[in-house]
Amino acid sequence: MGENLEISNDDEIDHWIDSIPTEMNACSLEVLRNYRSLNILENLEDLEEKSKLHPLIIGCYQLDESESSTAGNRDGQLRLYMVDEKARKNELSDLSFCNKSNLNLYSESIPEHICQTEAGVLDGKWLQRCPMTLSKISDDPDLKTNKRCHIFASASASGKIWLHLLNFDKQSSFCMEPFVSSSSSTDGTNDNRICLALDIDESNVNADSGTGSIKIISSYSDGTLAIHTVVFPGTEGDVRIEEDVRWRAHSLFNGMAPAEVWTCCWAKTKNNEAYSNLVLSGGDDCKLKGWDVRLPMTPSKPIFQIGEEEHGAGVTALSWHPKNTNVFASGSYDEGVRIWDIRCMTSSADSSGWSGRPKMLAKIDSSGGGIWRLKWHPDEASKLLVGAMHGGCRVLNIPALESEANTQNNVGIDIIASFTAHKSMAYGADWLSTSTCRDDDSVVGVDVAASCSFYDQRSFLWKVN
């Protein structure tokens, strides 16, 4: 564990609050911000009063290159940690990946639960809005369950989308339970494609009842995008994942070969809802594309396209702003980050089409490494966390977004912190804002980030400010 939490004069951070091994190559890291204790177990009521828990999932992917695996099987894990964000007296040193309130845990390196997956996990998202009401929870008699559970969606190397439940086992410990999956190939044309990324539209979920449906946009190694609908029927029927539409979105050599679609996202409104008619994708063809999914049949062409004039390599990361509904960020292997505003995009009179292209608000040509993750700060509009592969992690400040009204052209982006403890390929990163108590008992916010890296199989908690 790091002993010095101070940031040096050049804003480079090489110390940390907590560090753990991940055993497998770590691909993604996601924090559940709105965890609700469902009081399934009596002792959790006391736990909720004493602490504020953030479930954190590290998704892992590892190629089995042993002689017995001639086809190169891709193994995977979901590693669950319950990070306790309880306010402390001027101290972050006891903040850790492991929930110290759980007396079953004696080692700081042991996760709350390891869920072995059918294949490697490349990306994952919590359904942030609320726990969902489920009619069928589990066939396992050893699980203690409630009718409402938090849901985690993951992109699998098998080509499937998986939903897992945050649940409890017979030892009263948190666990991740495989629940339902999509088909790896509904059209029978490509059973070998890998699901590379996904994003969730939560706008049709009723937060009070935990019922409704979600849509998932997912991207694949064969150049396709797909939209799935996940139906939560509530008290009757089983949850199901239905593929609505799939189309070829990115290609190379004038369409002769598919290009991996590294990233995708929904256009979102505030509170993590979404415009369910606009999705973005980025691929190995160096292109960023916007798609209107209301178009009849499969979208035949993008409504806008941004190419090599802005990103000189594959577009690997996209993130819609959680507060400013007009803004999204894109990142590339070329180390550059761009901030875009769609307000110059105009709809036609019948609302069935778009014209124009987004306006670039700000850019930085090098964030220190190839971009793999972009995560907006949940509360501060101008801060962006970057997983920059071999460059570690960066925290960017975009002055043009310091207020929602101030989105004039401002081409500058400032690097305000660099986390350099990762030794190999920082792929996963997310915010874990926490709090501490001053000596006068007032509570102040502290920005903490969590990140993970691939080949050195490490994950860190580190102080940003």
Protein backbone atom coordinates (compact mmCIF):
# COMPACT_ATOMS: atom_id res chain seq x y z
CA MET A 1 0.00 0.00 0.00
CA GLY A 2 1.30 3.47 -0.85
CA GLU A 3 2.59 5.56 2.04
CA ASN A 4 2.62 9.00 0.44
CA LEU A 5 -0.59 10.37 -1.03
CA GLU A 6 0.76 13.76 -2.08
CA ILE A 7 0.79 14.91 -5.70
CA SER A 8 4.18 16.16 -6.89
CA ASN A 9 4.73 19.63 -8.30
CA ASP A 10 4.31 18.45 -11.90
CA ASP A 11 1.00 16.76 -11.02
CA GLU A 12 2.46 13.31 -11.57
CA ILE A 13 1.16 10.69 -9.16
CA ASP A 14 3.15 7.51 -8.59
CA HIS A 15 1.82 6.68 -5.11
CA TRP A 16 -1.51 5.14 -4.31
CA ILE A 17 -4.02 4.41 -1.56
CA ASP A 18 -4.45 0.70 -2.26
CA SER A 19 -3.14 -1.79 -4.80
CA ILE A 20 -4.26 -5.34 -5.56
CA PRO A 21 -3.39 -8.11 -8.02
CA THR A 22 -6.07 -9.25 -10.45
CA GLU A 23 -4.64 -12.72 -11.32
CA MET A 24 -5.83 -12.34 -14.92
CA ASN A 25 -5.31 -9.52 -17.41
CA ALA A 26 -7.62 -6.68 -16.39
CA CYS A 27 -9.65 -5.12 -19.22
CA SER A 28 -12.36 -2.99 -17.60
CA LEU A 29 -13.31 -1.44 -14.27
CA GLU A 30 -16.78 -0.13 -13.41
CA VAL A 31 -18.21 1.44 -10.22
CA LEU A 32 -21.88 1.26 -9.21
CA ARG A 33 -22.65 4.78 -7.97
CA ASN A 34 -26.19 4.30 -6.69
CA TYR A 35 -25.95 1.09 -4.73
CA ARG A 36 -29.02 0.43 -2.63
CA SER A 37 -28.88 -2.02 0.25
CA LEU A 38 -32.04 -4.03 -0.14
CA ASN A 39 -31.96 -5.19 3.48
CA ILE A 40 -32.00 -8.78 2.37
CA LEU A 41 -30.00 -9.71 5.44
CA GLU A 42 -30.56 -8.16 8.84
CA ASN A 43 -26.89 -7.42 9.42
CA LEU A 44 -26.81 -5.31 6.25
CA GLU A 45 -29.05 -2.72 7.91
CA ASP A 46 -26.31 -1.98 10.43
CA LEU A 47 -23.73 -2.02 7.69
CA GLU A 48 -25.66 0.56 5.70
CA GLU A 49 -25.76 2.92 8.68
CA LYS A 50 -22.00 2.73 9.20
CA SER A 51 -20.74 2.88 5.66
CA LYS A 52 -21.48 3.70 2.07
CA LEU A 53 -20.55 0.85 -0.21
CA HIS A 54 -19.63 1.07 -3.88
CA PRO A 55 -19.67 -2.25 -5.73
CA LEU A 56 -16.73 -2.26 -8.14
CA ILE A 57 -16.27 -4.83 -10.91
CA ILE A 58 -12.98 -5.61 -12.65
CA GLY A 59 -13.52 -7.55 -15.87
CA CYS A 60 -10.66 -9.81 -16.94
CA TYR A 61 -9.62 -11.41 -20.20
CA GLN A 62 -6.83 -13.89 -20.71
CA LEU A 63 -5.86 -16.02 -23.70
CA ASP A 64 -5.16 -19.63 -22.76
CA GLU A 65 -2.11 -20.47 -24.86
CA SER A 66 -1.38 -23.83 -23.27
CA GLU A 67 -0.76 -26.88 -25.43
CA SER A 68 -4.14 -28.28 -24.41
CA SER A 69 -5.87 -25.17 -25.80
CA THR A 70 -5.02 -25.37 -29.48
CA ALA A 71 -7.81 -22.98 -30.40
CA GLY A 72 -6.65 -20.37 -27.89
CA ASN A 73 -9.54 -20.28 -25.43
CA ARG A 74 -10.25 -16.93 -23.82
CA ASP A 75 -10.77 -17.25 -20.08
CA GLY A 76 -12.47 -14.56 -18.04
CA GLN A 77 -13.50 -13.37 -14.59
CA LEU A 78 -15.67 -10.76 -12.96
CA ARG A 79 -13.89 -9.71 -9.75
CA LEU A 80 -16.24 -7.99 -7.30
CA TYR A 81 -14.99 -5.55 -4.65
CA MET A 82 -17.14 -3.63 -2.17
CA VAL A 83 -15.34 -0.32 -1.57
CA ASP A 84 -16.37 1.33 1.70
CA GLU A 85 -16.60 5.11 1.26
CA LYS A 86 -17.27 5.95 4.92
CA ALA A 87 -16.10 9.43 5.94
CA ARG A 88 -12.91 9.49 7.96
CA LYS A 89 -10.89 12.01 9.95
CA ASN A 90 -8.49 13.46 7.38
CA GLU A 91 -7.47 9.95 6.37
CA LEU A 92 -7.71 8.01 3.13
CA SER A 93 -5.06 5.47 4.08
CA ASP A 94 -7.62 2.89 5.19
CA LEU A 95 -9.70 3.21 2.01
CA SER A 96 -9.32 -0.09 0.18
CA PHE A 97 -10.81 -2.33 -2.46
CA CYS A 98 -12.05 -4.64 0.27
CA ASN A 99 -14.97 -3.99 2.57
CA LYS A 100 -13.35 -3.90 6.02
CA SER A 101 -16.76 -4.23 7.66
CA ASN A 102 -16.99 -7.79 6.34
CA LEU A 103 -15.25 -9.91 8.94
CA ASN A 104 -14.95 -12.79 6.50
CA LEU A 105 -12.14 -10.91 4.74
CA TYR A 106 -8.70 -11.01 6.32
CA SER A 107 -6.48 -10.18 3.36
CA GLU A 108 -6.54 -6.88 1.53
CA SER A 109 -5.98 -8.69 -1.79
CA ILE A 110 -9.03 -10.97 -1.60
CA PRO A 111 -12.06 -9.80 -3.59
CA GLU A 112 -15.56 -10.15 -2.23
CA HIS A 113 -16.31 -12.64 -5.00
CA ILE A 114 -14.72 -14.02 -8.17
CA CYS A 115 -17.18 -15.09 -10.84
CA GLN A 116 -15.61 -17.30 -13.50
CA THR A 117 -17.12 -16.40 -16.87
CA GLU A 118 -17.61 -18.51 -19.98
CA ALA A 119 -15.09 -16.38 -21.89
CA GLY A 120 -12.98 -13.25 -21.48
CA VAL A 121 -14.69 -10.02 -20.41
CA LEU A 122 -13.76 -7.00 -22.53
CA ASP A 123 -16.19 -4.37 -21.26
CA GLY A 124 -18.98 -4.00 -18.72
CA LYS A 125 -21.55 -1.54 -17.39
CA TRP A 126 -23.70 -1.42 -14.27
CA LEU A 127 -27.34 -0.57 -14.74
CA GLN A 128 -26.97 2.58 -12.66
CA ARG A 129 -30.51 3.83 -12.28
CA CYS A 130 -31.92 1.29 -9.80
CA PRO A 131 -32.08 -2.40 -8.89
CA MET A 132 -34.49 -4.26 -11.15
CA THR A 133 -37.51 -6.34 -10.13
CA LEU A 134 -37.08 -9.95 -11.21
CA SER A 135 -39.61 -12.74 -11.20
CA LYS A 136 -37.01 -15.49 -11.32
CA ILE A 137 -33.91 -14.85 -9.25
CA SER A 138 -31.93 -18.06 -9.09
CA ASP A 139 -32.06 -21.84 -9.28
CA ASP A 140 -29.33 -22.05 -6.64
CA PRO A 141 -30.79 -22.91 -3.20
CA ASP A 142 -27.68 -21.56 -1.48
CA LEU A 143 -28.37 -17.98 -2.57
CA LYS A 144 -30.34 -15.61 -0.35
CA THR A 145 -32.17 -13.32 -2.72
CA ASN A 146 -34.59 -10.46 -2.95
CA LYS A 147 -37.03 -9.62 -5.72
CA ARG A 148 -34.88 -6.62 -6.69
CA CYS A 149 -31.24 -6.92 -7.74
CA HIS A 150 -28.58 -4.69 -9.25
CA ILE A 151 -27.64 -5.74 -12.81
CA PHE A 152 -24.23 -5.80 -14.49
CA ALA A 153 -23.96 -6.23 -18.29
CA SER A 154 -20.73 -7.50 -19.81
CA ALA A 155 -19.29 -7.90 -23.31
CA SER A 156 -17.92 -11.40 -23.79
CA ALA A 157 -15.22 -12.81 -26.06
CA SER A 158 -17.79 -15.49 -26.93
CA GLY A 159 -19.79 -12.82 -28.76
CA LYS A 160 -22.53 -12.80 -26.14
CA ILE A 161 -23.89 -10.11 -23.86
CA TRP A 162 -24.20 -11.43 -20.30
CA LEU A 163 -26.28 -10.08 -17.42
CA HIS A 164 -25.09 -10.83 -13.89
CA LEU A 165 -26.89 -10.16 -10.61
CA LEU A 166 -25.35 -8.62 -7.49
CA ASN A 167 -26.56 -11.21 -5.00
CA PHE A 168 -25.78 -12.86 -1.65
CA ASP A 169 -24.58 -16.38 -0.87
CA LYS A 170 -25.32 -18.54 2.13
CA GLN A 171 -22.35 -17.02 4.03
CA SER A 172 -24.04 -13.61 3.74
CA SER A 173 -21.37 -12.42 1.32
CA PHE A 174 -21.92 -10.45 -1.85
CA CYS A 175 -21.54 -12.41 -5.09
CA MET A 176 -22.04 -12.02 -8.83
CA GLU A 177 -24.41 -14.58 -10.31
CA PRO A 178 -24.69 -15.31 -14.06
CA PHE A 179 -28.30 -14.68 -14.98
CA VAL A 180 -29.09 -14.54 -18.69
CA SER A 181 -27.21 -14.09 -21.96
CA SER A 182 -27.85 -13.23 -25.58
CA SER A 183 -27.09 -15.60 -28.41
CA SER A 184 -23.55 -15.37 -29.75
CA SER A 185 -24.83 -15.36 -33.36
CA THR A 186 -28.51 -14.95 -34.12
CA ASP A 187 -28.02 -14.68 -37.88
CA GLY A 188 -25.83 -17.79 -38.18
CA THR A 189 -23.17 -15.91 -40.15
CA ASN A 190 -20.38 -15.47 -37.63
CA ASP A 191 -19.98 -17.60 -34.55
CA ASN A 192 -16.43 -16.35 -33.98
CA ARG A 193 -17.09 -12.66 -33.50
CA ILE A 194 -16.09 -11.07 -30.20
CA CYS A 195 -18.25 -8.54 -28.38
CA LEU A 196 -15.85 -5.67 -27.73
CA ALA A 197 -17.92 -2.97 -26.00
CA LEU A 198 -21.43 -2.06 -24.88
CA ASP A 199 -23.50 0.75 -23.41
CA ILE A 200 -26.93 0.85 -21.74
CA ASP A 201 -29.99 3.02 -22.41
CA GLU A 202 -31.93 3.17 -19.10
CA SER A 203 -34.60 5.68 -20.13
CA ASN A 204 -37.45 3.12 -20.09
CA VAL A 205 -36.80 1.93 -16.53
CA ASN A 206 -39.19 2.91 -13.73
CA ALA A 207 -36.85 3.66 -10.84
CA ASP A 208 -39.57 3.28 -8.19
CA SER A 209 -40.76 -0.18 -9.23
CA GLY A 210 -37.62 -1.47 -10.93
CA THR A 211 -39.61 -2.55 -13.99
CA GLY A 212 -39.45 -1.75 -17.67
CA SER A 213 -36.84 -2.48 -20.31
CA ILE A 214 -33.35 -1.43 -21.27
CA LYS A 215 -31.63 -1.24 -24.63
CA ILE A 216 -27.99 -2.21 -25.11
CA ILE A 217 -25.83 -1.04 -28.00
CA SER A 218 -22.91 -3.44 -28.55
CA SER A 219 -19.96 -3.53 -30.93
CA TYR A 220 -18.09 -6.45 -32.43
CA SER A 221 -14.84 -7.64 -33.98
CA ASP A 222 -16.57 -8.38 -37.32
CA GLY A 223 -17.35 -4.71 -37.93
CA THR A 224 -20.98 -4.85 -36.78
CA LEU A 225 -23.10 -2.98 -34.28
CA ALA A 226 -26.19 -4.50 -32.68
CA ILE A 227 -29.04 -3.23 -30.53
CA HIS A 228 -30.59 -5.59 -27.99
CA THR A 229 -33.68 -5.06 -25.85
CA VAL A 230 -33.67 -6.55 -22.35
CA VAL A 231 -37.19 -7.02 -21.02
CA PHE A 232 -37.77 -7.19 -17.25
CA PRO A 233 -41.35 -8.46 -16.93
CA GLY A 234 -41.49 -7.95 -13.16
CA THR A 235 -43.67 -10.47 -11.38
CA GLU A 236 -44.46 -12.66 -14.39
CA GLY A 237 -42.19 -14.29 -16.93
CA ASP A 238 -38.43 -14.53 -17.31
CA VAL A 239 -35.99 -11.82 -18.28
CA ARG A 240 -35.00 -12.13 -21.93
CA ILE A 241 -32.51 -10.49 -24.27
CA GLU A 242 -33.74 -9.92 -27.80
CA GLU A 243 -31.60 -8.71 -30.71
CA ASP A 244 -33.52 -5.96 -32.50
CA VAL A 245 -31.15 -5.06 -35.31
CA ARG A 246 -27.56 -5.61 -36.45
CA TRP A 247 -25.67 -3.82 -39.19
CA ARG A 248 -22.19 -3.55 -40.63
CA ALA A 249 -20.81 -0.29 -39.35
CA HIS A 250 -17.03 -0.15 -39.93
CA SER A 251 -14.81 -1.66 -42.62
CA LEU A 252 -11.39 -1.44 -44.25
CA PHE A 253 -10.13 -1.47 -47.85
CA ASN A 254 -13.27 0.05 -49.37
CA GLY A 255 -15.54 -2.35 -47.58
CA MET A 256 -13.59 -5.48 -48.45
CA ALA A 257 -12.72 -6.36 -44.84
CA PRO A 258 -14.36 -5.72 -41.47
CA ALA A 259 -12.82 -3.26 -39.00
CA GLU A 260 -13.05 -3.94 -35.29
CA VAL A 261 -15.61 -1.64 -33.67
CA TRP A 262 -13.74 -0.82 -30.48
CA THR A 263 -16.31 1.40 -28.81
CA CYS A 264 -19.96 2.49 -28.84
CA CYS A 265 -22.32 4.57 -26.72
CA TRP A 266 -25.81 6.02 -26.53
CA ALA A 267 -26.41 9.76 -26.57
CA LYS A 268 -27.55 10.50 -23.02
CA THR A 269 -29.62 13.03 -21.18
CA LYS A 270 -29.16 13.87 -17.51
CA ASN A 271 -29.45 11.17 -14.85
CA ASN A 272 -27.97 8.53 -17.19
CA GLU A 273 -31.04 8.37 -19.39
CA ALA A 274 -30.68 8.37 -23.17
CA TYR A 275 -31.91 9.64 -26.47
CA SER A 276 -32.93 6.25 -27.82
CA ASN A 277 -32.49 7.40 -31.40
CA LEU A 278 -28.79 8.28 -31.57
CA VAL A 279 -25.79 6.00 -31.05
CA LEU A 280 -22.09 6.54 -31.66
CA SER A 281 -19.41 4.09 -32.74
CA GLY A 282 -15.66 4.16 -33.24
CA GLY A 283 -13.58 1.62 -35.14
CA ASP A 284 -10.20 0.49 -36.35
CA ASP A 285 -10.91 2.32 -39.63
CA CYS A 286 -10.06 5.60 -37.83
CA LYS A 287 -13.67 6.74 -38.05
CA LEU A 288 -16.19 8.04 -35.53
CA LYS A 289 -19.78 7.59 -36.70
CA GLY A 290 -23.22 8.67 -35.52
CA TRP A 291 -26.29 6.54 -36.29
CA ASP A 292 -29.99 7.37 -36.19
CA VAL A 293 -31.56 4.08 -35.12
CA ARG A 294 -35.07 5.27 -36.02
CA LEU A 295 -34.31 4.82 -39.71
CA PRO A 296 -36.30 1.99 -41.29
CA MET A 297 -34.70 -1.45 -41.40
CA THR A 298 -30.98 -1.51 -40.64
CA PRO A 299 -29.30 1.93 -40.62
CA SER A 300 -27.77 2.04 -44.09
CA LYS A 301 -25.39 4.91 -43.53
CA PRO A 302 -24.29 7.13 -40.65
CA ILE A 303 -25.86 10.54 -40.13
CA PHE A 304 -22.36 11.93 -39.61
CA GLN A 305 -18.81 10.64 -39.91
CA ILE A 306 -15.54 12.02 -38.59
CA GLY A 307 -12.44 10.46 -40.11
CA GLU A 308 -8.68 10.62 -40.20
CA GLU A 309 -8.66 14.40 -40.32
CA GLU A 310 -9.24 14.30 -36.55
CA HIS A 311 -8.21 10.82 -35.37
CA GLY A 312 -5.13 9.45 -37.11
CA ALA A 313 -5.62 5.92 -35.77
CA GLY A 314 -8.41 3.67 -34.54
CA VAL A 315 -11.16 5.35 -32.51
CA THR A 316 -11.11 3.38 -29.26
CA ALA A 317 -13.16 5.31 -26.68
CA LEU A 318 -16.42 7.28 -26.61
CA SER A 319 -18.19 8.81 -23.63
CA TRP A 320 -21.32 10.97 -23.52
CA HIS A 321 -21.32 13.74 -20.95
CA PRO A 322 -23.55 12.96 -17.90
CA LYS A 323 -24.48 16.62 -17.26
CA ASN A 324 -24.21 18.47 -20.57
CA THR A 325 -26.60 16.70 -22.91
CA ASN A 326 -24.97 18.13 -26.05
CA VAL A 327 -21.40 16.99 -25.44
CA PHE A 328 -19.39 13.81 -25.91
CA ALA A 329 -15.71 12.86 -25.90
CA SER A 330 -13.76 10.63 -28.28
CA GLY A 331 -10.31 9.10 -27.96
CA SER A 332 -7.95 7.23 -30.25
CA TYR A 333 -4.88 5.02 -30.44
CA ASP A 334 -3.13 8.18 -31.66
CA GLU A 335 -3.26 9.49 -28.03
CA GLY A 336 -5.61 12.33 -28.93
CA VAL A 337 -8.86 13.30 -27.17
CA ARG A 338 -11.55 15.41 -28.82
CA ILE A 339 -14.61 17.08 -27.23
CA TRP A 340 -17.67 17.48 -29.49
CA ASP A 341 -20.93 19.44 -29.34
CA ILE A 342 -23.92 18.16 -31.37
CA ARG A 343 -25.88 21.43 -31.23
CA CYS A 344 -24.89 22.19 -34.80
CA MET A 345 -26.66 18.97 -35.77
CA THR A 346 -30.13 19.79 -37.04
CA SER A 347 -33.13 17.52 -37.53
CA SER A 348 -35.28 17.61 -40.63
CA ALA A 349 -38.90 18.68 -40.34
CA ASP A 350 -40.23 15.13 -40.07
CA SER A 351 -37.61 14.28 -37.40
CA SER A 352 -36.43 11.32 -39.44
CA GLY A 353 -33.04 12.64 -40.43
CA TRP A 354 -30.08 14.81 -39.43
CA SER A 355 -27.70 17.08 -41.23
CA GLY A 356 -24.32 18.56 -40.44
CA ARG A 357 -21.70 17.21 -38.06
CA PRO A 358 -20.72 17.92 -34.46
CA LYS A 359 -18.63 20.97 -33.65
CA MET A 360 -15.27 20.33 -32.01
CA LEU A 361 -15.08 22.29 -28.73
CA ALA A 362 -11.64 21.27 -27.51
CA LYS A 363 -8.81 18.87 -28.20
CA ILE A 364 -5.51 17.55 -26.96
CA ASP A 365 -3.20 15.78 -29.39
CA SER A 366 -1.42 13.66 -26.80
CA SER A 367 -2.65 12.47 -23.43
CA GLY A 368 0.52 10.48 -22.86
CA GLY A 369 -0.59 7.18 -24.39
CA GLY A 370 -3.16 5.55 -26.62
CA ILE A 371 -6.68 6.13 -25.29
CA TRP A 372 -8.71 3.15 -24.11
CA ARG A 373 -11.22 4.56 -21.55
CA LEU A 374 -12.88 7.93 -21.08
CA LYS A 375 -14.95 8.59 -17.94
CA TRP A 376 -16.55 11.93 -17.14
CA HIS A 377 -16.52 13.05 -13.52
CA PRO A 378 -19.99 12.40 -12.03
CA ASP A 379 -20.26 15.93 -10.55
CA GLU A 380 -17.63 18.26 -12.05
CA ALA A 381 -18.51 18.98 -15.67
CA SER A 382 -15.01 19.83 -16.89
CA LYS A 383 -13.09 16.78 -15.59
CA LEU A 384 -12.41 13.68 -17.68
CA LEU A 385 -10.58 10.55 -16.52
CA VAL A 386 -8.51 8.78 -19.18
CA GLY A 387 -7.12 5.25 -19.32
CA ALA A 388 -4.12 5.91 -21.57
CA MET A 389 -2.69 2.43 -22.08
CA HIS A 390 1.13 2.51 -21.81
CA GLY A 391 0.91 6.10 -20.51
CA GLY A 392 -0.99 5.14 -17.35
CA CYS A 393 -3.96 7.35 -16.45
CA ARG A 394 -4.62 11.05 -16.92
CA VAL A 395 -7.13 13.51 -15.54
CA LEU A 396 -8.05 16.19 -18.07
CA ASN A 397 -9.68 19.55 -17.46
CA ILE A 398 -11.68 21.12 -20.29
CA PRO A 399 -12.11 24.86 -19.57
CA ALA A 400 -14.81 25.15 -22.24
CA LEU A 401 -17.06 22.96 -20.07
CA GLU A 402 -16.56 24.62 -16.69
CA SER A 403 -20.16 25.79 -16.94
CA GLU A 404 -22.91 24.28 -19.08
CA ALA A 405 -23.57 27.61 -20.73
CA ASN A 406 -19.91 28.20 -21.58
CA THR A 407 -19.31 25.96 -24.59
CA GLN A 408 -17.60 28.40 -26.90
CA ASN A 409 -14.68 27.26 -29.00
CA ASN A 410 -11.78 26.63 -26.64
CA VAL A 411 -9.28 24.28 -28.21
CA GLY A 412 -7.27 23.80 -25.03
CA ILE A 413 -7.39 20.77 -22.73
CA ASP A 414 -5.21 20.68 -19.64
CA ILE A 415 -3.66 17.58 -18.08
CA ILE A 416 -4.11 18.23 -14.35
CA ALA A 417 -2.94 14.84 -13.02
CA SER A 418 -1.02 11.84 -14.33
CA PHE A 419 -1.03 8.49 -12.55
CA THR A 420 2.14 6.62 -13.50
CA ALA A 421 2.20 3.57 -11.22
CA HIS A 422 0.77 1.28 -13.89
CA LYS A 423 3.56 -0.58 -15.67
CA SER A 424 1.60 -2.00 -18.58
CA MET A 425 -1.49 -0.94 -20.52
CA ALA A 426 -3.98 0.92 -18.30
CA TYR A 427 -7.26 -0.27 -19.82
CA GLY A 428 -9.85 0.32 -17.09
CA ALA A 429 -10.60 3.47 -15.07
CA ASP A 430 -13.50 5.00 -13.18
CA TRP A 431 -14.23 7.67 -10.59
CA LEU A 432 -14.74 6.83 -6.93
CA SER A 433 -15.53 10.17 -5.31
CA THR A 434 -15.36 9.83 -1.56
CA SER A 435 -15.37 12.07 1.52
CA THR A 436 -13.36 12.76 4.64
CA CYS A 437 -14.11 14.57 7.89
CA ARG A 438 -12.09 17.59 8.91
CA ASP A 439 -11.12 18.21 12.51
CA ASP A 440 -14.18 20.45 12.87
CA ASP A 441 -16.34 17.47 11.72
CA SER A 442 -17.25 19.12 8.42
CA VAL A 443 -17.25 16.73 5.46
CA VAL A 444 -15.30 17.54 2.31
CA GLY A 445 -15.30 15.76 -1.03
CA VAL A 446 -12.17 14.01 -2.26
CA ASP A 447 -11.66 12.72 -5.78
CA VAL A 448 -10.38 9.16 -5.86
CA ALA A 449 -9.93 7.17 -9.05
CA ALA A 450 -9.77 3.42 -9.53
CA SER A 451 -7.84 1.95 -12.44
CA CYS A 452 -6.51 -1.37 -13.70
CA SER A 453 -3.84 -2.50 -16.14
CA PHE A 454 -3.58 -5.49 -18.42
CA TYR A 455 -0.27 -7.32 -18.59
CA ASP A 456 0.97 -6.50 -15.08
CA GLN A 457 -2.45 -7.52 -13.67
CA ARG A 458 -2.74 -4.71 -11.12
CA SER A 459 -5.45 -2.38 -9.93
CA PHE A 460 -5.09 0.81 -7.88
CA LEU A 461 -7.05 3.32 -5.85
CA TRP A 462 -5.39 6.73 -6.05
CA LYS A 463 -6.09 10.25 -4.90
CA VAL A 464 -6.64 12.81 -7.66
CA ASN A 465 -6.92 16.10 -5.75
